[in-house]
Amino acid sequence: MKFHFISGLPRAGSTLLAALLRQNPSFHAAMTSPMFSTLRSIIKSMADNTEFGLFFDDAKRRRILTAAMTAYYEDKLNLSAVFDTSRAWCSAMPLVANLFPTSKVICCVRNPAWILDSMECHFQKHVLRPARVFNFEPIATVRMRVDIAMKSPNAVLGTPLGHLRDAWYGSYTDRLLVVRYESLTRDPENVMRALYNFLNETYFPHDFENFSYTEPDYDERNGLPGFHAVRGPIRLSDRPTVLPLDIFQAHNGGFWEKPGQNPRKVSML
């Protein structure tokens, strides 16, 4: 079994991508998992400055970390590939390379202005249940919510954007594939074929019209009803933004689209 990783920005297609990948009976994929946080905690517990740090060397640390990942997915060992999802994997490219030398990281991106728009749409639809994951005040302005999403500690969009910059400008871009939300929703078949080629996997004919995937228990627990629900057919919606235009324009366009900002030739779809 091979491990691969889905990362990137919120509201940028990672759940949709997982829903498609899980159609392949040889793959396992799902929305965000606890494994990034779990491995991070284990690493901290084995650090040199801890009480028992002297009992660990790097070889033992590596065995423990890979064993933890394998144990979590023990019921998937008969599959050819498992895709673990976390927006933080982009910040851990050296760790991924160290533990899983053949693994790839698929990073889902989207115009930040439309990500903020999507978050605002969800907030307005569920205004009686402000989600704690956004850290939004029940009564606030759009501008305040955007500032929280971009600038607060552990900001729901600002932090993953920082993770993405780490991967984009880092030393492990040979194992990184960036998938634009716009590409995935406009031309899903060609994107999936290119993705399989990147992974050196035999293509599986996916159904882009009739499928659904949801994690209602997770979404309800976090005050996010329907946040990770996706279904076919795949279409890129065309509508005006719900954001004030000055806010939309301030965040319009990702750094990955700007000329001269891809010095390491990151593969993009």
Protein backbone atom coordinates (compact mmCIF):
# COMPACT_ATOMS: atom_id res chain seq x y z
CA MET A 1 0.00 0.00 0.00
CA LYS A 2 1.20 3.49 -0.89
CA PHE A 3 0.39 6.66 1.01
CA HIS A 4 -0.40 9.89 -0.78
CA PHE A 5 -1.62 13.15 0.71
CA ILE A 6 -4.33 15.68 -0.18
CA SER A 7 -3.71 19.19 1.09
CA GLY A 8 -4.23 22.81 0.11
CA LEU A 9 -6.82 25.48 0.79
CA PRO A 10 -10.32 25.19 2.29
CA ARG A 11 -13.31 25.30 -0.07
CA ALA A 12 -10.93 24.47 -2.93
CA GLY A 13 -12.06 20.99 -3.96
CA SER A 14 -10.25 18.59 -1.62
CA THR A 15 -13.49 16.88 -0.54
CA LEU A 16 -14.67 16.72 -4.15
CA LEU A 17 -11.34 15.18 -5.16
CA ALA A 18 -11.57 12.62 -2.35
CA ALA A 19 -15.14 11.77 -3.40
CA LEU A 20 -13.90 11.02 -6.90
CA LEU A 21 -10.83 9.06 -5.83
CA ARG A 22 -12.87 6.84 -3.50
CA GLN A 23 -14.88 5.64 -6.50
CA ASN A 24 -11.81 3.60 -7.41
CA PRO A 25 -12.06 0.32 -5.43
CA SER A 26 -8.26 0.23 -5.17
CA PHE A 27 -8.10 3.60 -3.39
CA HIS A 28 -9.18 5.03 -0.06
CA ALA A 29 -9.79 8.76 0.26
CA ALA A 30 -11.92 10.90 2.56
CA MET A 31 -12.19 14.36 4.03
CA THR A 32 -9.73 15.60 6.66
CA SER A 33 -8.20 12.99 8.96
CA PRO A 34 -6.59 13.26 12.42
CA MET A 35 -3.25 11.81 11.31
CA PHE A 36 -1.30 15.02 10.76
CA SER A 37 -2.10 16.17 14.32
CA THR A 38 -1.39 12.68 15.65
CA LEU A 39 2.05 12.48 14.05
CA ARG A 40 2.87 16.01 15.19
CA SER A 41 2.04 15.05 18.79
CA ILE A 42 4.18 11.92 18.57
CA ILE A 43 7.13 13.90 17.21
CA LYS A 44 6.86 16.34 20.12
CA SER A 45 6.77 13.47 22.62
CA MET A 46 10.02 12.03 21.21
CA ALA A 47 11.93 15.31 21.01
CA ASP A 48 15.43 15.57 22.52
CA ASN A 49 14.27 18.11 25.12
CA THR A 50 11.65 15.78 26.61
CA GLU A 51 12.14 13.49 29.61
CA PHE A 52 12.59 10.40 27.46
CA GLY A 53 14.20 12.00 24.41
CA LEU A 54 17.48 10.17 24.96
CA PHE A 55 15.73 6.84 24.28
CA PHE A 56 15.02 7.76 20.65
CA ASP A 57 17.20 8.02 17.59
CA ASP A 58 15.97 9.02 14.14
CA ALA A 59 15.60 5.43 12.96
CA LYS A 60 13.34 4.61 15.90
CA ARG A 61 11.36 7.82 15.45
CA ARG A 62 10.79 6.96 11.80
CA ARG A 63 9.61 3.43 12.63
CA ILE A 64 7.15 4.71 15.23
CA LEU A 65 5.70 7.39 12.97
CA THR A 66 5.25 5.10 9.96
CA ALA A 67 3.78 2.43 12.23
CA ALA A 68 1.24 4.92 13.57
CA MET A 69 0.09 5.81 10.06
CA THR A 70 -0.04 2.15 9.03
CA ALA A 71 -1.98 1.20 12.16
CA TYR A 72 -4.57 3.90 11.57
CA TYR A 73 -5.23 2.54 8.08
CA GLU A 74 -4.85 -1.13 9.00
CA ASP A 75 -8.24 -1.98 7.49
CA LYS A 76 -7.09 -0.49 4.16
CA LEU A 77 -3.87 -2.49 3.79
CA ASN A 78 -5.34 -4.51 0.91
CA LEU A 79 -5.69 -1.35 -1.22
CA SER A 80 -3.06 -0.02 -3.59
CA ALA A 81 -3.16 3.57 -2.28
CA VAL A 82 -4.48 5.57 0.66
CA PHE A 83 -4.94 9.33 0.38
CA ASP A 84 -4.77 11.09 3.75
CA THR A 85 -6.21 14.60 3.85
CA SER A 86 -5.10 17.60 5.90
CA ARG A 87 -4.63 21.24 4.96
CA ALA A 88 -1.38 21.10 6.96
CA TRP A 89 0.45 18.51 4.85
CA CYS A 90 1.82 21.27 2.63
CA SER A 91 3.76 22.54 5.64
CA ALA A 92 5.30 19.10 6.20
CA MET A 93 6.84 18.23 2.85
CA PRO A 94 10.22 17.28 4.41
CA LEU A 95 8.44 14.97 6.86
CA VAL A 96 6.42 13.36 4.07
CA ALA A 97 9.59 12.79 2.04
CA ASN A 98 11.42 11.33 5.04
CA LEU A 99 8.68 8.90 6.10
CA PHE A 100 7.16 7.98 2.72
CA PRO A 101 9.77 8.41 -0.03
CA THR A 102 7.44 7.43 -2.90
CA SER A 103 4.45 9.49 -1.78
CA LYS A 104 2.96 12.49 -3.60
CA VAL A 105 1.10 15.53 -2.28
CA ILE A 106 -1.92 16.84 -4.18
CA CYS A 107 -2.63 20.45 -3.29
CA CYS A 108 -6.08 21.89 -4.07
CA VAL A 109 -6.16 25.64 -4.66
CA ARG A 110 -8.75 28.26 -5.55
CA ASN A 111 -8.90 32.01 -5.97
CA PRO A 112 -8.84 33.25 -2.32
CA ALA A 113 -11.61 35.75 -3.05
CA TRP A 114 -13.97 32.94 -4.02
CA ILE A 115 -12.92 30.89 -0.98
CA LEU A 116 -13.90 33.80 1.26
CA ASP A 117 -17.10 34.16 -0.74
CA SER A 118 -17.92 30.48 -0.17
CA MET A 119 -17.31 30.83 3.57
CA GLU A 120 -19.53 33.90 3.71
CA CYS A 121 -22.30 32.07 1.84
CA HIS A 122 -22.15 29.26 4.40
CA PHE A 123 -22.21 31.73 7.29
CA GLN A 124 -25.24 33.57 5.90
CA LYS A 125 -27.08 30.30 5.27
CA HIS A 126 -26.47 29.12 8.85
CA VAL A 127 -26.45 32.44 10.68
CA LEU A 128 -28.15 30.93 13.74
CA ARG A 129 -25.28 28.43 14.15
CA PRO A 130 -21.95 30.26 13.81
CA ALA A 131 -19.23 27.64 13.35
CA ARG A 132 -16.50 27.57 15.98
CA VAL A 133 -13.97 26.50 13.34
CA PHE A 134 -14.30 29.97 11.77
CA ASN A 135 -14.08 31.66 15.17
CA PHE A 136 -16.73 34.10 13.97
CA GLU A 137 -18.66 36.32 16.34
CA PRO A 138 -22.43 35.77 16.03
CA ILE A 139 -22.96 39.44 15.19
CA ALA A 140 -20.17 40.88 13.07
CA THR A 141 -19.49 42.49 9.72
CA VAL A 142 -18.31 40.78 6.56
CA ARG A 143 -15.02 42.65 6.88
CA MET A 144 -14.51 41.33 10.41
CA ARG A 145 -15.18 37.76 9.26
CA VAL A 146 -12.71 38.12 6.38
CA ASP A 147 -10.05 39.52 8.73
CA ILE A 148 -10.58 36.58 11.09
CA ALA A 149 -10.30 34.09 8.22
CA MET A 150 -7.09 35.70 6.96
CA LYS A 151 -5.24 37.09 9.99
CA SER A 152 -6.30 35.47 13.26
CA PRO A 153 -4.18 32.80 14.98
CA ASN A 154 -4.75 29.53 13.11
CA ALA A 155 -6.72 31.50 10.52
CA VAL A 156 -8.92 29.18 8.48
CA LEU A 157 -7.60 30.56 5.18
CA GLY A 158 -4.50 32.58 6.09
CA THR A 159 -2.77 29.62 7.76
CA PRO A 160 -3.24 27.16 4.84
CA LEU A 161 -2.03 29.86 2.46
CA GLY A 162 1.18 29.95 4.51
CA HIS A 163 1.44 26.16 4.34
CA LEU A 164 1.02 26.32 0.57
CA ARG A 165 3.82 28.88 0.25
CA ASP A 166 6.13 26.53 2.17
CA ALA A 167 5.46 23.73 -0.31
CA TRP A 168 5.42 25.97 -3.40
CA TYR A 169 8.83 27.52 -2.75
CA GLY A 170 10.34 24.53 -0.93
CA SER A 171 12.75 21.79 -1.94
CA TYR A 172 10.24 18.98 -2.54
CA THR A 173 8.20 20.28 -5.44
CA ASP A 174 8.98 17.17 -7.49
CA ARG A 175 6.36 15.36 -5.42
CA LEU A 176 3.82 18.23 -5.47
CA LEU A 177 0.85 18.57 -7.84
CA VAL A 178 -1.35 21.66 -7.62
CA VAL A 179 -4.95 21.20 -8.75
CA ARG A 180 -6.98 24.32 -9.43
CA TYR A 181 -10.62 24.19 -8.32
CA GLU A 182 -11.57 25.80 -11.60
CA SER A 183 -9.84 23.05 -13.59
CA LEU A 184 -11.38 20.24 -11.55
CA THR A 185 -14.91 21.61 -11.94
CA ARG A 186 -14.62 22.60 -15.60
CA ASP A 187 -12.80 19.53 -16.95
CA PRO A 188 -12.78 16.80 -14.29
CA GLU A 189 -11.92 13.92 -16.61
CA ASN A 190 -8.75 15.46 -18.01
CA VAL A 191 -7.69 16.54 -14.50
CA MET A 192 -8.19 13.02 -13.14
CA ARG A 193 -6.30 11.46 -16.06
CA ALA A 194 -3.37 13.82 -15.44
CA LEU A 195 -3.54 13.03 -11.73
CA TYR A 196 -3.34 9.29 -12.36
CA ASN A 197 -0.37 9.88 -14.63
CA PHE A 198 1.35 11.91 -11.91
CA LEU A 199 0.76 9.04 -9.45
CA ASN A 200 1.86 6.37 -11.96
CA GLU A 201 -1.49 4.62 -11.55
CA THR A 202 -3.70 2.96 -14.16
CA TYR A 203 -6.66 5.20 -14.92
CA PHE A 204 -10.05 4.29 -13.48
CA PRO A 205 -13.17 5.53 -15.33
CA HIS A 206 -14.84 7.89 -12.86
CA ASP A 207 -18.48 8.95 -12.81
CA PHE A 208 -18.62 12.75 -12.75
CA GLU A 209 -22.41 12.96 -12.99
CA ASN A 210 -23.86 10.63 -10.36
CA PHE A 211 -22.05 10.48 -7.04
CA SER A 212 -22.31 11.84 -3.53
CA TYR A 213 -20.16 12.00 -0.42
CA THR A 214 -20.79 13.57 2.96
CA GLU A 215 -19.57 13.41 6.56
CA PRO A 216 -22.63 14.64 8.50
CA ASP A 217 -21.41 13.62 11.97
CA TYR A 218 -18.17 15.57 11.61
CA ASP A 219 -19.90 18.61 10.17
CA GLU A 220 -22.60 18.66 12.86
CA ARG A 221 -20.01 18.29 15.62
CA ASN A 222 -18.20 21.35 14.32
CA GLY A 223 -21.31 23.42 13.62
CA LEU A 224 -20.81 23.10 9.86
CA PRO A 225 -23.96 21.42 8.51
CA GLY A 226 -23.38 20.24 4.97
CA PHE A 227 -19.92 21.81 4.75
CA HIS A 228 -18.26 18.67 3.38
CA ALA A 229 -21.21 17.42 1.30
CA VAL A 230 -20.48 17.03 -2.42
CA ARG A 231 -22.49 15.46 -5.20
CA GLY A 232 -22.64 15.24 -8.97
CA PRO A 233 -22.93 16.47 -11.58
CA ILE A 234 -19.74 18.51 -11.38
CA ARG A 235 -20.28 22.05 -12.60
CA LEU A 236 -18.49 25.36 -12.02
CA SER A 237 -21.19 27.75 -10.85
CA ASP A 238 -21.37 31.22 -12.34
CA ARG A 239 -22.85 33.80 -9.97
CA PRO A 240 -22.01 37.22 -8.55
CA THR A 241 -20.03 37.36 -5.31
CA VAL A 242 -21.76 37.99 -2.00
CA LEU A 243 -18.71 39.94 -0.78
CA PRO A 244 -18.43 43.72 -0.99
CA LEU A 245 -16.49 44.42 -4.18
CA ASP A 246 -13.58 46.14 -2.44
CA ILE A 247 -13.04 43.07 -0.25
CA PHE A 248 -13.35 40.71 -3.22
CA GLN A 249 -10.83 42.69 -5.24
CA ALA A 250 -8.39 42.87 -2.32
CA HIS A 251 -8.14 39.05 -2.27
CA ASN A 252 -8.73 38.31 -5.95
CA GLY A 253 -6.10 36.01 -7.46
CA GLY A 254 -3.67 33.53 -5.96
CA PHE A 255 0.09 34.04 -5.87
CA TRP A 256 0.51 30.81 -7.84
CA GLU A 257 -1.09 32.47 -10.87
CA LYS A 258 1.21 35.49 -10.98
CA PRO A 259 3.95 35.65 -13.65
CA GLY A 260 7.39 34.80 -12.33
CA GLN A 261 6.09 33.21 -9.13
CA ASN A 262 6.80 29.59 -10.03
CA PRO A 263 10.60 29.38 -9.84
CA ARG A 264 10.58 25.64 -9.05
CA LYS A 265 8.24 24.74 -11.92
CA VAL A 266 5.52 23.24 -9.75
CA SER A 267 3.18 21.04 -11.78
CA MET A 268 -0.29 22.59 -12.05
CA LEU A 269 -3.56 21.45 -13.53
